[in-house]
Amino acid sequence: DPTPEDPTPGQPEDPNPGKPEDPKPFVFLMTSPFAQTSVDIGFDDT
């Protein structure tokens, strides 16, 4: 009989058992405050 330590037949053995999956990277992407975006004066810090 398979022991608890044996991997399930037909499935690859996990090389890093117990290791949590890497979280998805944070992406900051805004939406426009209006349905149509029109710029009068743009950003300029120089």
All heavy atoms as atom14 arrays in JSON, in Angstrom:
{
  "sequence": "DPTPEDPTPGQPEDPNPGKPEDPKPFVFLMTSPFAQTSVDIGFDDT",
  "atom14_mask": [
    [1, 1, 1, 1, 1, 1, 1, 1, 0, 0, 0, 0, 0, 0],
    [1, 1, 1, 1, 1, 1, 1, 0, 0, 0, 0, 0, 0, 0],
    [1, 1, 1, 1, 1, 1, 1, 0, 0, 0, 0, 0, 0, 0],
    [1, 1, 1, 1, 1, 1, 1, 0, 0, 0, 0, 0, 0, 0],
    [1, 1, 1, 1, 1, 1, 1, 1, 1, 0, 0, 0, 0, 0],
    [1, 1, 1, 1, 1, 1, 1, 1, 0, 0, 0, 0, 0, 0],
    [1, 1, 1, 1, 1, 1, 1, 0, 0, 0, 0, 0, 0, 0],
    [1, 1, 1, 1, 1, 1, 1, 0, 0, 0, 0, 0, 0, 0],
    [1, 1, 1, 1, 1, 1, 1, 0, 0, 0, 0, 0, 0, 0],
    [1, 1, 1, 1, 0, 0, 0, 0, 0, 0, 0, 0, 0, 0],
    [1, 1, 1, 1, 1, 1, 1, 1, 1, 0, 0, 0, 0, 0],
    [1, 1, 1, 1, 1, 1, 1, 0, 0, 0, 0, 0, 0, 0],
    [1, 1, 1, 1, 1, 1, 1, 1, 1, 0, 0, 0, 0, 0],
    [1, 1, 1, 1, 1, 1, 1, 1, 0, 0, 0, 0, 0, 0],
    [1, 1, 1, 1, 1, 1, 1, 0, 0, 0, 0, 0, 0, 0],
    [1, 1, 1, 1, 1, 1, 1, 1, 0, 0, 0, 0, 0, 0],
    [1, 1, 1, 1, 1, 1, 1, 0, 0, 0, 0, 0, 0, 0],
    [1, 1, 1, 1, 0, 0, 0, 0, 0, 0, 0, 0, 0, 0],
    [1, 1, 1, 1, 1, 1, 1, 1, 1, 0, 0, 0, 0, 0],
    [1, 1, 1, 1, 1, 1, 1, 0, 0, 0, 0, 0, 0, 0],
    [1, 1, 1, 1, 1, 1, 1, 1, 1, 0, 0, 0, 0, 0],
    [1, 1, 1, 1, 1, 1, 1, 1, 0, 0, 0, 0, 0, 0],
    [1, 1, 1, 1, 1, 1, 1, 0, 0, 0, 0, 0, 0, 0],
    [1, 1, 1, 1, 1, 1, 1, 1, 1, 0, 0, 0, 0, 0],
    [1, 1, 1, 1, 1, 1, 1, 0, 0, 0, 0, 0, 0, 0],
    [1, 1, 1, 1, 1, 1, 1, 1, 1, 1, 1, 0, 0, 0],
    [1, 1, 1, 1, 1, 1, 1, 0, 0, 0, 0, 0, 0, 0],
    [1, 1, 1, 1, 1, 1, 1, 1, 1, 1, 1, 0, 0, 0],
    [1, 1, 1, 1, 1, 1, 1, 1, 0, 0, 0, 0, 0, 0],
    [1, 1, 1, 1, 1, 1, 1, 1, 0, 0, 0, 0, 0, 0],
    [1, 1, 1, 1, 1, 1, 1, 0, 0, 0, 0, 0, 0, 0],
    [1, 1, 1, 1, 1, 1, 0, 0, 0, 0, 0, 0, 0, 0],
    [1, 1, 1, 1, 1, 1, 1, 0, 0, 0, 0, 0, 0, 0],
    [1, 1, 1, 1, 1, 1, 1, 1, 1, 1, 1, 0, 0, 0],
    [1, 1, 1, 1, 1, 0, 0, 0, 0, 0, 0, 0, 0, 0],
    [1, 1, 1, 1, 1, 1, 1, 1, 1, 0, 0, 0, 0, 0],
    [1, 1, 1, 1, 1, 1, 1, 0, 0, 0, 0, 0, 0, 0],
    [1, 1, 1, 1, 1, 1, 0, 0, 0, 0, 0, 0, 0, 0],
    [1, 1, 1, 1, 1, 1, 1, 0, 0, 0, 0, 0, 0, 0],
    [1, 1, 1, 1, 1, 1, 1, 1, 0, 0, 0, 0, 0, 0],
    [1, 1, 1, 1, 1, 1, 1, 1, 0, 0, 0, 0, 0, 0],
    [1, 1, 1, 1, 0, 0, 0, 0, 0, 0, 0, 0, 0, 0],
    [1, 1, 1, 1, 1, 1, 1, 1, 1, 1, 1, 0, 0, 0],
    [1, 1, 1, 1, 1, 1, 1, 1, 0, 0, 0, 0, 0, 0],
    [1, 1, 1, 1, 1, 1, 1, 1, 0, 0, 0, 0, 0, 0],
    [1, 1, 1, 1, 1, 1, 1, 0, 0, 0, 0, 0, 0, 0]
  ],
  "atom14_positions": [
    [[0.84, -1.2, 0.0], [0.0, 0.0, 0.0], [0.87, 1.24, 0.0], [1.9, 1.29, 0.68], [-0.91, 0.02, 1.23], [-1.92, -1.13, 1.19], [-2.23, -1.58, 0.07], [-2.36, -1.55, 2.28], [0.0, 0.0, 0.0], [0.0, 0.0, 0.0], [0.0, 0.0, 0.0], [0.0, 0.0, 0.0], [0.0, 0.0, 0.0], [0.0, 0.0, 0.0]],
    [[0.47, 2.28, -0.79], [1.28, 3.51, -0.79], [1.27, 4.17, 0.57], [0.27, 4.22, 1.25], [0.57, 4.4, -1.84], [-0.82, 3.85, -1.91], [-0.71, 2.37, -1.64], [0.0, 0.0, 0.0], [0.0, 0.0, 0.0], [0.0, 0.0, 0.0], [0.0, 0.0, 0.0], [0.0, 0.0, 0.0], [0.0, 0.0, 0.0], [0.0, 0.0, 0.0]],
    [[2.41, 4.67, 0.96], [2.52, 5.38, 2.23], [2.2, 6.84, 2.03], [2.22, 7.35, 0.91], [3.96, 5.24, 2.77], [4.86, 5.81, 1.82], [4.33, 3.79, 2.98], [0.0, 0.0, 0.0], [0.0, 0.0, 0.0], [0.0, 0.0, 0.0], [0.0, 0.0, 0.0], [0.0, 0.0, 0.0], [0.0, 0.0, 0.0], [0.0, 0.0, 0.0]],
    [[1.84, 7.59, 3.11], [1.52, 9.02, 2.97], [2.64, 9.83, 2.35], [2.41, 10.87, 1.75], [1.25, 9.46, 4.42], [0.84, 8.2, 5.12], [1.64, 7.1, 4.47], [0.0, 0.0, 0.0], [0.0, 0.0, 0.0], [0.0, 0.0, 0.0], [0.0, 0.0, 0.0], [0.0, 0.0, 0.0], [0.0, 0.0, 0.0], [0.0, 0.0, 0.0]],
    [[3.88, 9.33, 2.48], [5.0, 10.11, 1.93], [5.13, 9.94, 0.43], [5.79, 10.73, -0.23], [6.32, 9.7, 2.6], [6.42, 10.08, 4.07], [5.64, 9.13, 4.96], [5.28, 8.04, 4.48], [5.4, 9.48, 6.14], [0.0, 0.0, 0.0], [0.0, 0.0, 0.0], [0.0, 0.0, 0.0], [0.0, 0.0, 0.0], [0.0, 0.0, 0.0]],
    [[4.51, 8.85, -0.13], [4.64, 8.6, -1.56], [3.82, 9.61, -2.34], [2.7, 9.93, -1.95], [4.18, 7.18, -1.92], [5.1, 6.13, -1.31], [6.25, 6.48, -1.01], [4.65, 4.97, -1.13], [0.0, 0.0, 0.0], [0.0, 0.0, 0.0], [0.0, 0.0, 0.0], [0.0, 0.0, 0.0], [0.0, 0.0, 0.0], [0.0, 0.0, 0.0]],
    [[4.33, 10.13, -3.49], [3.52, 11.03, -4.32], [2.37, 10.28, -4.94], [2.41, 9.06, -5.12], [4.52, 11.52, -5.39], [5.55, 10.45, -5.46], [5.67, 9.89, -4.05], [0.0, 0.0, 0.0], [0.0, 0.0, 0.0], [0.0, 0.0, 0.0], [0.0, 0.0, 0.0], [0.0, 0.0, 0.0], [0.0, 0.0, 0.0], [0.0, 0.0, 0.0]],
    [[1.3, 10.97, -5.26], [0.14, 10.36, -5.9], [0.53, 9.81, -7.25], [1.18, 10.49, -8.04], [-0.98, 11.42, -6.07], [-1.28, 11.97, -4.79], [-2.23, 10.78, -6.68], [0.0, 0.0, 0.0], [0.0, 0.0, 0.0], [0.0, 0.0, 0.0], [0.0, 0.0, 0.0], [0.0, 0.0, 0.0], [0.0, 0.0, 0.0], [0.0, 0.0, 0.0]],
    [[0.16, 8.54, -7.56], [0.55, 7.98, -8.87], [0.05, 8.84, -10.01], [-1.07, 9.32, -10.0], [-0.14, 6.6, -8.85], [-0.35, 6.28, -7.41], [-0.57, 7.6, -6.73], [0.0, 0.0, 0.0], [0.0, 0.0, 0.0], [0.0, 0.0, 0.0], [0.0, 0.0, 0.0], [0.0, 0.0, 0.0], [0.0, 0.0, 0.0], [0.0, 0.0, 0.0]],
    [[0.91, 9.04, -10.99], [0.53, 9.82, -12.17], [0.77, 11.3, -12.04], [0.57, 12.04, -12.98], [0.0, 0.0, 0.0], [0.0, 0.0, 0.0], [0.0, 0.0, 0.0], [0.0, 0.0, 0.0], [0.0, 0.0, 0.0], [0.0, 0.0, 0.0], [0.0, 0.0, 0.0], [0.0, 0.0, 0.0], [0.0, 0.0, 0.0], [0.0, 0.0, 0.0]],
    [[1.2, 11.79, -10.87], [1.46, 13.2, -10.67], [2.94, 13.41, -10.36], [3.54, 12.61, -9.63], [0.62, 13.77, -9.53], [-0.87, 13.76, -9.8], [-1.65, 14.39, -8.67], [-1.08, 14.8, -7.67], [-2.96, 14.48, -8.83], [0.0, 0.0, 0.0], [0.0, 0.0, 0.0], [0.0, 0.0, 0.0], [0.0, 0.0, 0.0], [0.0, 0.0, 0.0]],
    [[3.54, 14.48, -10.92], [4.95, 14.73, -10.63], [5.15, 15.12, -9.18], [4.3, 15.75, -8.56], [5.3, 15.91, -11.58], [3.99, 16.59, -11.81], [2.95, 15.48, -11.8], [0.0, 0.0, 0.0], [0.0, 0.0, 0.0], [0.0, 0.0, 0.0], [0.0, 0.0, 0.0], [0.0, 0.0, 0.0], [0.0, 0.0, 0.0], [0.0, 0.0, 0.0]],
    [[6.26, 14.73, -8.64], [6.57, 15.06, -7.25], [6.91, 16.53, -7.13], [7.65, 17.09, -7.95], [7.74, 14.21, -6.77], [8.07, 14.38, -5.3], [9.17, 13.45, -4.84], [9.59, 12.62, -5.66], [9.6, 13.56, -3.68], [0.0, 0.0, 0.0], [0.0, 0.0, 0.0], [0.0, 0.0, 0.0], [0.0, 0.0, 0.0], [0.0, 0.0, 0.0]],
    [[6.34, 17.21, -6.13], [6.59, 18.64, -5.91], [8.02, 18.82, -5.4], [8.38, 18.29, -4.35], [5.6, 19.18, -4.87], [5.7, 20.69, -4.73], [6.57, 21.3, -5.37], [4.9, 21.26, -3.96], [0.0, 0.0, 0.0], [0.0, 0.0, 0.0], [0.0, 0.0, 0.0], [0.0, 0.0, 0.0], [0.0, 0.0, 0.0], [0.0, 0.0, 0.0]],
    [[8.87, 19.53, -6.16], [10.26, 19.71, -5.71], [10.37, 20.56, -4.47], [11.36, 20.48, -3.75], [10.93, 20.39, -6.92], [9.81, 21.09, -7.61], [8.6, 20.21, -7.42], [0.0, 0.0, 0.0], [0.0, 0.0, 0.0], [0.0, 0.0, 0.0], [0.0, 0.0, 0.0], [0.0, 0.0, 0.0], [0.0, 0.0, 0.0], [0.0, 0.0, 0.0]],
    [[9.37, 21.41, -4.2], [9.4, 22.29, -3.02], [8.1, 22.13, -2.25], [7.25, 23.02, -2.26], [9.61, 23.75, -3.43], [10.92, 23.97, -4.16], [11.97, 23.6, -3.66], [10.85, 24.53, -5.35], [0.0, 0.0, 0.0], [0.0, 0.0, 0.0], [0.0, 0.0, 0.0], [0.0, 0.0, 0.0], [0.0, 0.0, 0.0], [0.0, 0.0, 0.0]],
    [[7.91, 20.98, -1.58], [6.65, 20.79, -0.86], [6.5, 21.8, 0.26], [7.43, 22.12, 0.98], [6.78, 19.36, -0.3], [8.25, 19.1, -0.26], [8.85, 19.87, -1.41], [0.0, 0.0, 0.0], [0.0, 0.0, 0.0], [0.0, 0.0, 0.0], [0.0, 0.0, 0.0], [0.0, 0.0, 0.0], [0.0, 0.0, 0.0], [0.0, 0.0, 0.0]],
    [[5.27, 22.33, 0.37], [4.99, 23.28, 1.44], [5.34, 24.71, 1.11], [5.0, 25.62, 1.86], [0.0, 0.0, 0.0], [0.0, 0.0, 0.0], [0.0, 0.0, 0.0], [0.0, 0.0, 0.0], [0.0, 0.0, 0.0], [0.0, 0.0, 0.0], [0.0, 0.0, 0.0], [0.0, 0.0, 0.0], [0.0, 0.0, 0.0], [0.0, 0.0, 0.0]],
    [[6.01, 24.96, -0.02], [6.39, 26.33, -0.38], [5.21, 27.03, -1.03], [4.64, 26.53, -1.99], [7.57, 26.32, -1.35], [8.03, 27.72, -1.74], [9.19, 27.65, -2.71], [9.64, 29.05, -3.14], [10.74, 29.0, -4.11], [0.0, 0.0, 0.0], [0.0, 0.0, 0.0], [0.0, 0.0, 0.0], [0.0, 0.0, 0.0], [0.0, 0.0, 0.0]],
    [[4.77, 28.19, -0.53], [3.63, 28.9, -1.13], [3.97, 29.43, -2.51], [5.13, 29.7, -2.83], [3.37, 30.05, -0.14], [4.69, 30.28, 0.53], [5.35, 28.91, 0.63], [0.0, 0.0, 0.0], [0.0, 0.0, 0.0], [0.0, 0.0, 0.0], [0.0, 0.0, 0.0], [0.0, 0.0, 0.0], [0.0, 0.0, 0.0], [0.0, 0.0, 0.0]],
    [[2.93, 29.56, -3.33], [3.12, 30.1, -4.67], [3.5, 31.57, -4.59], [3.07, 32.3, -3.69], [1.85, 29.94, -5.49], [1.46, 28.5, -5.75], [0.22, 28.39, -6.61], [-0.31, 29.45, -6.98], [-0.21, 27.27, -6.91], [0.0, 0.0, 0.0], [0.0, 0.0, 0.0], [0.0, 0.0, 0.0], [0.0, 0.0, 0.0], [0.0, 0.0, 0.0]],
    [[4.32, 32.0, -5.54], [4.73, 33.4, -5.57], [3.52, 34.27, -5.86], [2.73, 33.99, -6.77], [5.79, 33.62, -6.66], [7.09, 32.9, -6.34], [7.35, 32.68, -5.14], [7.83, 32.56, -7.28], [0.0, 0.0, 0.0], [0.0, 0.0, 0.0], [0.0, 0.0, 0.0], [0.0, 0.0, 0.0], [0.0, 0.0, 0.0], [0.0, 0.0, 0.0]],
    [[3.33, 35.35, -5.08], [2.18, 36.23, -5.33], [2.34, 36.97, -6.65], [3.45, 37.21, -7.12], [2.23, 37.2, -4.14], [3.66, 37.19, -3.7], [4.17, 35.8, -3.97], [0.0, 0.0, 0.0], [0.0, 0.0, 0.0], [0.0, 0.0, 0.0], [0.0, 0.0, 0.0], [0.0, 0.0, 0.0], [0.0, 0.0, 0.0], [0.0, 0.0, 0.0]],
    [[1.2, 37.33, -7.23], [1.25, 38.08, -8.48], [1.82, 39.48, -8.21], [1.51, 40.09, -7.19], [-0.15, 38.19, -9.09], [-0.72, 36.87, -9.53], [-2.1, 37.05, -10.16], [-2.67, 35.72, -10.62], [-4.02, 35.87, -11.24], [0.0, 0.0, 0.0], [0.0, 0.0, 0.0], [0.0, 0.0, 0.0], [0.0, 0.0, 0.0], [0.0, 0.0, 0.0]],
    [[2.66, 39.97, -9.11], [3.24, 41.3, -8.88], [2.18, 42.39, -8.91], [1.21, 42.31, -9.67], [4.24, 41.45, -10.06], [3.73, 40.51, -11.11], [3.12, 39.36, -10.38], [0.0, 0.0, 0.0], [0.0, 0.0, 0.0], [0.0, 0.0, 0.0], [0.0, 0.0, 0.0], [0.0, 0.0, 0.0], [0.0, 0.0, 0.0], [0.0, 0.0, 0.0]],
    [[2.37, 43.39, -8.05], [1.43, 44.51, -8.01], [1.61, 45.41, -9.22], [2.74, 45.75, -9.6], [1.65, 45.32, -6.72], [0.89, 46.6, -6.67], [-0.48, 46.6, -6.45], [1.53, 47.82, -6.86], [-1.2, 47.79, -6.41], [0.83, 49.02, -6.82], [-0.54, 49.0, -6.59], [0.0, 0.0, 0.0], [0.0, 0.0, 0.0], [0.0, 0.0, 0.0]],
    [[0.5, 45.77, -9.86], [0.53, 46.65, -11.03], [-0.4, 47.83, -10.75], [-1.59, 47.64, -10.46], [0.07, 45.91, -12.3], [0.05, 46.88, -13.49], [1.0, 44.73, -12.6], [0.0, 0.0, 0.0], [0.0, 0.0, 0.0], [0.0, 0.0, 0.0], [0.0, 0.0, 0.0], [0.0, 0.0, 0.0], [0.0, 0.0, 0.0], [0.0, 0.0, 0.0]],
    [[0.16, 49.03, -10.81], [-0.65, 50.24, -10.61], [-1.03, 50.78, -11.98], [-0.19, 51.28, -12.72], [0.15, 51.28, -9.82], [-0.64, 52.52, -9.51], [-1.56, 52.54, -8.47], [-0.46, 53.69, -10.24], [-2.29, 53.69, -8.17], [-1.18, 54.84, -9.95], [-2.1, 54.84, -8.92], [0.0, 0.0, 0.0], [0.0, 0.0, 0.0], [0.0, 0.0, 0.0]],
    [[-2.3, 50.68, -12.32], [-2.8, 51.15, -13.61], [-4.12, 51.86, -13.36], [-5.11, 51.24, -12.99], [-2.99, 49.98, -14.58], [-3.37, 50.36, -16.01], [-2.27, 51.2, -16.67], [-3.64, 49.1, -16.85], [0.0, 0.0, 0.0], [0.0, 0.0, 0.0], [0.0, 0.0, 0.0], [0.0, 0.0, 0.0], [0.0, 0.0, 0.0], [0.0, 0.0, 0.0]],
    [[-4.13, 53.17, -13.56], [-5.32, 53.97, -13.29], [-6.27, 53.97, -14.48], [-5.88, 53.63, -15.61], [-4.92, 55.42, -12.97], [-4.02, 55.58, -11.77], [-3.63, 57.34, -11.43], [-5.24, 57.95, -10.91], [0.0, 0.0, 0.0], [0.0, 0.0, 0.0], [0.0, 0.0, 0.0], [0.0, 0.0, 0.0], [0.0, 0.0, 0.0], [0.0, 0.0, 0.0]],
    [[-7.5, 54.36, -14.2], [-8.45, 54.66, -15.27], [-8.69, 56.17, -15.26], [-8.56, 56.83, -14.23], [-9.78, 53.93, -15.07], [-10.31, 54.23, -13.77], [-9.6, 52.43, -15.21], [0.0, 0.0, 0.0], [0.0, 0.0, 0.0], [0.0, 0.0, 0.0], [0.0, 0.0, 0.0], [0.0, 0.0, 0.0], [0.0, 0.0, 0.0], [0.0, 0.0, 0.0]],
    [[-9.06, 56.69, -16.43], [-9.28, 58.13, -16.54], [-10.51, 58.55, -15.73], [-11.47, 57.79, -15.61], [-9.48, 58.5, -18.02], [-9.82, 59.87, -18.14], [0.0, 0.0, 0.0], [0.0, 0.0, 0.0], [0.0, 0.0, 0.0], [0.0, 0.0, 0.0], [0.0, 0.0, 0.0], [0.0, 0.0, 0.0], [0.0, 0.0, 0.0], [0.0, 0.0, 0.0]],
    [[-10.48, 59.76, -15.16], [-11.65, 60.24, -14.43], [-12.83, 60.55, -15.33], [-13.94, 60.75, -14.85], [-11.13, 61.5, -13.73], [-9.95, 61.93, -14.52], [-9.34, 60.69, -15.08], [0.0, 0.0, 0.0], [0.0, 0.0, 0.0], [0.0, 0.0, 0.0], [0.0, 0.0, 0.0], [0.0, 0.0, 0.0], [0.0, 0.0, 0.0], [0.0, 0.0, 0.0]],
    [[-12.6, 60.6, -16.65], [-13.67, 60.91, -17.61], [-13.72, 59.84, -18.7], [-12.73, 59.14, -18.95], [-13.44, 62.29, -18.24], [-13.23, 63.39, -17.25], [-12.04, 64.12, -17.24], [-14.2, 63.7, -16.31], [-11.84, 65.14, -16.33], [-14.01, 64.71, -15.39], [-12.82, 65.43, -15.39], [0.0, 0.0, 0.0], [0.0, 0.0, 0.0], [0.0, 0.0, 0.0]],
    [[-14.86, 59.75, -19.37], [-15.0, 58.79, -20.47], [-14.04, 59.12, -21.61], [-13.48, 58.22, -22.24], [-16.45, 58.78, -20.97], [0.0, 0.0, 0.0], [0.0, 0.0, 0.0], [0.0, 0.0, 0.0], [0.0, 0.0, 0.0], [0.0, 0.0, 0.0], [0.0, 0.0, 0.0], [0.0, 0.0, 0.0], [0.0, 0.0, 0.0], [0.0, 0.0, 0.0]],
    [[-13.84, 60.4, -21.86], [-12.89, 60.85, -22.87], [-11.84, 61.71, -22.2], [-12.18, 62.64, -21.46], [-13.59, 61.65, -23.98], [-14.63, 60.85, -24.76], [-14.0, 59.75, -25.59], [-12.86, 59.87, -26.05], [-14.74, 58.66, -25.78], [0.0, 0.0, 0.0], [0.0, 0.0, 0.0], [0.0, 0.0, 0.0], [0.0, 0.0, 0.0], [0.0, 0.0, 0.0]],
    [[-10.57, 61.41, -22.43], [-9.49, 62.14, -21.78], [-8.87, 63.15, -22.75], [-8.4, 62.78, -23.82], [-8.39, 61.18, -21.29], [-8.98, 60.21, -20.42], [-7.3, 61.93, -20.54], [0.0, 0.0, 0.0], [0.0, 0.0, 0.0], [0.0, 0.0, 0.0], [0.0, 0.0, 0.0], [0.0, 0.0, 0.0], [0.0, 0.0, 0.0], [0.0, 0.0, 0.0]],
    [[-8.92, 64.41, -22.35], [-8.31, 65.47, -23.15], [-7.43, 66.3, -22.22], [-7.88, 66.78, -21.18], [-9.4, 66.34, -23.79], [-8.82, 67.41, -24.51], [0.0, 0.0, 0.0], [0.0, 0.0, 0.0], [0.0, 0.0, 0.0], [0.0, 0.0, 0.0], [0.0, 0.0, 0.0], [0.0, 0.0, 0.0], [0.0, 0.0, 0.0], [0.0, 0.0, 0.0]],
    [[-6.15, 66.47, -22.6], [-5.18, 67.17, -21.76], [-5.05, 68.62, -22.22], [-4.8, 68.87, -23.41], [-3.82, 66.47, -21.8], [-2.8, 67.23, -20.96], [-3.94, 65.03, -21.31], [0.0, 0.0, 0.0], [0.0, 0.0, 0.0], [0.0, 0.0, 0.0], [0.0, 0.0, 0.0], [0.0, 0.0, 0.0], [0.0, 0.0, 0.0], [0.0, 0.0, 0.0]],
    [[-5.19, 69.55, -21.29], [-4.95, 70.96, -21.59], [-3.48, 71.29, -21.36], [-2.76, 71.64, -22.29], [-5.85, 71.84, -20.72], [-5.76, 73.31, -21.08], [-5.06, 73.64, -22.06], [-6.38, 74.13, -20.39], [0.0, 0.0, 0.0], [0.0, 0.0, 0.0], [0.0, 0.0, 0.0], [0.0, 0.0, 0.0], [0.0, 0.0, 0.0], [0.0, 0.0, 0.0]],
    [[-3.03, 71.17, -20.13], [-1.61, 71.36, -19.82], [-1.11, 70.08, -19.15], [-1.71, 69.6, -18.18], [-1.39, 72.57, -18.88], [-1.88, 73.85, -19.55], [0.08, 72.69, -18.5], [-1.75, 75.08, -18.69], [0.0, 0.0, 0.0], [0.0, 0.0, 0.0], [0.0, 0.0, 0.0], [0.0, 0.0, 0.0], [0.0, 0.0, 0.0], [0.0, 0.0, 0.0]],
    [[-0.04, 69.53, -19.7], [0.47, 68.26, -19.22], [1.48, 68.4, -18.09], [1.79, 69.51, -17.62], [0.0, 0.0, 0.0], [0.0, 0.0, 0.0], [0.0, 0.0, 0.0], [0.0, 0.0, 0.0], [0.0, 0.0, 0.0], [0.0, 0.0, 0.0], [0.0, 0.0, 0.0], [0.0, 0.0, 0.0], [0.0, 0.0, 0.0], [0.0, 0.0, 0.0]],
    [[2.01, 67.27, -17.64], [2.99, 67.22, -16.55], [4.37, 67.64, -17.06], [4.81, 67.21, -18.13], [3.04, 65.79, -15.99], [4.09, 65.56, -14.93], [3.8, 65.8, -13.6], [5.36, 65.1, -15.27], [4.75, 65.58, -12.61], [6.31, 64.87, -14.3], [6.01, 65.12, -12.96], [0.0, 0.0, 0.0], [0.0, 0.0, 0.0], [0.0, 0.0, 0.0]],
    [[5.06, 68.46, -16.27], [6.45, 68.83, -16.59], [7.14, 69.26, -15.3], [6.82, 70.3, -14.73], [6.49, 69.96, -17.62], [7.86, 70.06, -18.3], [8.88, 69.78, -17.62], [7.9, 70.39, -19.49], [0.0, 0.0, 0.0], [0.0, 0.0, 0.0], [0.0, 0.0, 0.0], [0.0, 0.0, 0.0], [0.0, 0.0, 0.0], [0.0, 0.0, 0.0]],
    [[8.06, 68.39, -14.83], [8.77, 68.71, -13.59], [10.18, 69.24, -13.85], [10.97, 69.43, -12.93], [8.87, 67.48, -12.69], [9.62, 66.33, -13.36], [9.88, 66.41, -14.58], [9.92, 65.33, -12.67], [0.0, 0.0, 0.0], [0.0, 0.0, 0.0], [0.0, 0.0, 0.0], [0.0, 0.0, 0.0], [0.0, 0.0, 0.0], [0.0, 0.0, 0.0]],
    [[10.45, 69.53, -15.14], [11.78, 70.04, -15.49], [11.71, 71.44, -16.09], [12.43, 72.36, -15.66], [12.46, 69.09, -16.5], [12.52, 67.77, -15.95], [13.87, 69.57, -16.83], [0.0, 0.0, 0.0], [0.0, 0.0, 0.0], [0.0, 0.0, 0.0], [0.0, 0.0, 0.0], [0.0, 0.0, 0.0], [0.0, 0.0, 0.0], [0.0, 0.0, 0.0]]
  ]
}
